[in-house]
Amino acid sequence: MAQEPEVFSITGAAPGMSVEQKGRQRRYLISMGIRTLCFIAGIATSGWLRWTFIIGAVLLPYFSVVVANAGRERRLFGPDLVSPQEQRVAISDSAHD
């Protein structure tokens, strides 16, 4: 199978809203799946472990919303716009003759 060529970003622009929204939805759904597992584990276990899972299931929605909505903040350090491994080739003056 042929390897896809590496694509470099030439701008510091943020990704589109639809791309960002998909990522936030995915993070939220993963955390809600973990919450569901906490509820099930809280029912299936006993003692201090039960209360740990139940507390986790109660507190997880708050943290899930905070993490899912933390998407549009401006990053202080963006991605490298040029790969450090990129070889730069100088254009010789003879090309203009």
C-alpha atoms as a PDB file:
ATOM      1  CA  MET A   1       0.000   0.000   0.000  1.00  0.00           C
ATOM      2  CA  ALA A   2       1.404   3.389  -0.984  1.00  0.00           C
ATOM      3  CA  GLN A   3       2.085   5.847   1.803  1.00  0.00           C
ATOM      4  CA  GLU A   4       0.095   9.073   1.648  1.00  0.00           C
ATOM      5  CA  PRO A   5       2.234  12.175   1.206  1.00  0.00           C
ATOM      6  CA  GLU A   6       2.637  14.274   4.345  1.00  0.00           C
ATOM      7  CA  VAL A   7       0.595  17.471   4.232  1.00  0.00           C
ATOM      8  CA  PHE A   8       1.935  20.608   5.924  1.00  0.00           C
ATOM      9  CA  SER A   9      -0.183  23.393   7.341  1.00  0.00           C
ATOM     10  CA  ILE A  10       0.652  26.787   5.871  1.00  0.00           C
ATOM     11  CA  THR A  11      -1.656  28.806   8.088  1.00  0.00           C
ATOM     12  CA  GLY A  12      -2.344  29.313  11.756  1.00  0.00           C
ATOM     13  CA  ALA A  13      -6.104  29.387  11.132  1.00  0.00           C
ATOM     14  CA  ALA A  14      -8.281  27.344  13.454  1.00  0.00           C
ATOM     15  CA  PRO A  15     -10.004  24.246  12.061  1.00  0.00           C
ATOM     16  CA  GLY A  16     -13.548  24.638  10.786  1.00  0.00           C
ATOM     17  CA  MET A  17     -16.469  24.702  13.200  1.00  0.00           C
ATOM     18  CA  SER A  18     -17.836  21.383  11.932  1.00  0.00           C
ATOM     19  CA  VAL A  19     -14.499  19.618  12.491  1.00  0.00           C
ATOM     20  CA  GLU A  20     -14.206  21.085  15.959  1.00  0.00           C
ATOM     21  CA  GLN A  21     -17.803  20.223  16.834  1.00  0.00           C
ATOM     22  CA  LYS A  22     -17.275  16.582  15.845  1.00  0.00           C
ATOM     23  CA  GLY A  23     -14.266  16.389  18.159  1.00  0.00           C
ATOM     24  CA  ARG A  24     -16.198  17.916  21.055  1.00  0.00           C
ATOM     25  CA  GLN A  25     -19.104  15.532  20.487  1.00  0.00           C
ATOM     26  CA  ARG A  26     -16.746  12.562  20.433  1.00  0.00           C
ATOM     27  CA  ARG A  27     -15.083  13.628  23.715  1.00  0.00           C
ATOM     28  CA  TYR A  28     -18.484  14.161  25.348  1.00  0.00           C
ATOM     29  CA  LEU A  29     -19.837  10.784  24.187  1.00  0.00           C
ATOM     30  CA  ILE A  30     -16.729   8.986  25.448  1.00  0.00           C
ATOM     31  CA  SER A  31     -17.064  10.603  28.872  1.00  0.00           C
ATOM     32  CA  MET A  32     -20.781   9.789  29.018  1.00  0.00           C
ATOM     33  CA  GLY A  33     -19.926   6.183  28.180  1.00  0.00           C
ATOM     34  CA  ILE A  34     -17.501   6.183  31.109  1.00  0.00           C
ATOM     35  CA  ARG A  35     -20.276   7.658  33.276  1.00  0.00           C
ATOM     36  CA  THR A  36     -22.601   4.829  32.264  1.00  0.00           C
ATOM     37  CA  LEU A  37     -19.931   2.301  33.169  1.00  0.00           C
ATOM     38  CA  CYS A  38     -19.520   4.039  36.554  1.00  0.00           C
ATOM     39  CA  PHE A  39     -23.253   3.666  37.237  1.00  0.00           C
ATOM     40  CA  ILE A  40     -23.198  -0.007  36.279  1.00  0.00           C
ATOM     41  CA  ALA A  41     -20.071  -0.610  38.384  1.00  0.00           C
ATOM     42  CA  GLY A  42     -21.723   1.274  41.281  1.00  0.00           C
ATOM     43  CA  ILE A  43     -24.652  -1.123  41.154  1.00  0.00           C
ATOM     44  CA  ALA A  44     -22.486  -4.227  40.750  1.00  0.00           C
ATOM     45  CA  THR A  45     -19.985  -3.499  43.555  1.00  0.00           C
ATOM     46  CA  SER A  46     -20.297  -2.856  47.257  1.00  0.00           C
ATOM     47  CA  GLY A  47     -18.535  -0.913  50.002  1.00  0.00           C
ATOM     48  CA  TRP A  48     -16.271   2.042  49.374  1.00  0.00           C
ATOM     49  CA  LEU A  49     -15.798   1.063  45.710  1.00  0.00           C
ATOM     50  CA  ARG A  50     -19.552   1.455  45.093  1.00  0.00           C
ATOM     51  CA  TRP A  51     -19.523   4.995  46.492  1.00  0.00           C
ATOM     52  CA  THR A  52     -16.429   5.866  44.483  1.00  0.00           C
ATOM     53  CA  PHE A  53     -18.148   4.817  41.247  1.00  0.00           C
ATOM     54  CA  ILE A  54     -21.378   6.625  42.170  1.00  0.00           C
ATOM     55  CA  ILE A  55     -19.527   9.840  43.035  1.00  0.00           C
ATOM     56  CA  GLY A  56     -17.644   9.537  39.750  1.00  0.00           C
ATOM     57  CA  ALA A  57     -20.918   9.086  37.866  1.00  0.00           C
ATOM     58  CA  VAL A  58     -22.413  12.164  39.562  1.00  0.00           C
ATOM     59  CA  LEU A  59     -19.398  14.442  39.007  1.00  0.00           C
ATOM     60  CA  LEU A  60     -18.441  13.281  35.527  1.00  0.00           C
ATOM     61  CA  PRO A  61     -21.121  15.271  33.620  1.00  0.00           C
ATOM     62  CA  TYR A  62     -19.746  18.559  34.937  1.00  0.00           C
ATOM     63  CA  PHE A  63     -16.210  17.740  33.841  1.00  0.00           C
ATOM     64  CA  SER A  64     -17.474  16.330  30.528  1.00  0.00           C
ATOM     65  CA  VAL A  65     -19.222  19.574  29.642  1.00  0.00           C
ATOM     66  CA  VAL A  66     -16.189  21.639  30.627  1.00  0.00           C
ATOM     67  CA  VAL A  67     -13.839  19.469  28.562  1.00  0.00           C
ATOM     68  CA  ALA A  68     -16.211  19.253  25.579  1.00  0.00           C
ATOM     69  CA  ASN A  69     -16.709  23.017  25.478  1.00  0.00           C
ATOM     70  CA  ALA A  70     -13.028  23.850  25.881  1.00  0.00           C
ATOM     71  CA  GLY A  71     -12.472  23.838  22.154  1.00  0.00           C
ATOM     72  CA  ARG A  72     -12.399  27.397  20.845  1.00  0.00           C
ATOM     73  CA  GLU A  73      -9.711  28.849  23.091  1.00  0.00           C
ATOM     74  CA  ARG A  74      -6.855  30.388  21.216  1.00  0.00           C
ATOM     75  CA  ARG A  75      -3.704  28.350  21.585  1.00  0.00           C
ATOM     76  CA  LEU A  76      -0.560  30.119  22.700  1.00  0.00           C
ATOM     77  CA  PHE A  77       1.657  27.781  20.742  1.00  0.00           C
ATOM     78  CA  GLY A  78       0.188  26.506  17.496  1.00  0.00           C
ATOM     79  CA  PRO A  79       1.415  23.726  15.273  1.00  0.00           C
ATOM     80  CA  ASP A  80       4.673  24.097  13.450  1.00  0.00           C
ATOM     81  CA  LEU A  81       3.877  25.553  10.061  1.00  0.00           C
ATOM     82  CA  VAL A  82       6.984  24.125   8.429  1.00  0.00           C
ATOM     83  CA  SER A  83       8.437  20.734   9.171  1.00  0.00           C
ATOM     84  CA  PRO A  84      11.921  20.927  10.710  1.00  0.00           C
ATOM     85  CA  GLN A  85      12.978  17.971   8.544  1.00  0.00           C
ATOM     86  CA  GLU A  86      12.003  19.784   5.365  1.00  0.00           C
ATOM     87  CA  GLN A  87      14.936  20.297   3.084  1.00  0.00           C
ATOM     88  CA  ARG A  88      15.172  23.789   1.679  1.00  0.00           C
ATOM     89  CA  VAL A  89      16.585  24.128  -1.772  1.00  0.00           C
ATOM     90  CA  ALA A  90      18.015  27.466  -2.806  1.00  0.00           C
ATOM     91  CA  ILE A  91      17.114  28.802  -6.206  1.00  0.00           C
ATOM     92  CA  SER A  92      20.304  29.551  -8.072  1.00  0.00           C
ATOM     93  CA  ASP A  93      20.844  32.886  -9.768  1.00  0.00           C
ATOM     94  CA  SER A  94      21.557  31.061 -13.039  1.00  0.00           C
ATOM     95  CA  ALA A  95      17.824  30.397 -13.420  1.00  0.00           C
ATOM     96  CA  HIS A  96      17.296  34.103 -14.083  1.00  0.00           C
ATOM     97  CA  ASP A  97      19.941  34.338 -16.855  1.00  0.00           C
END
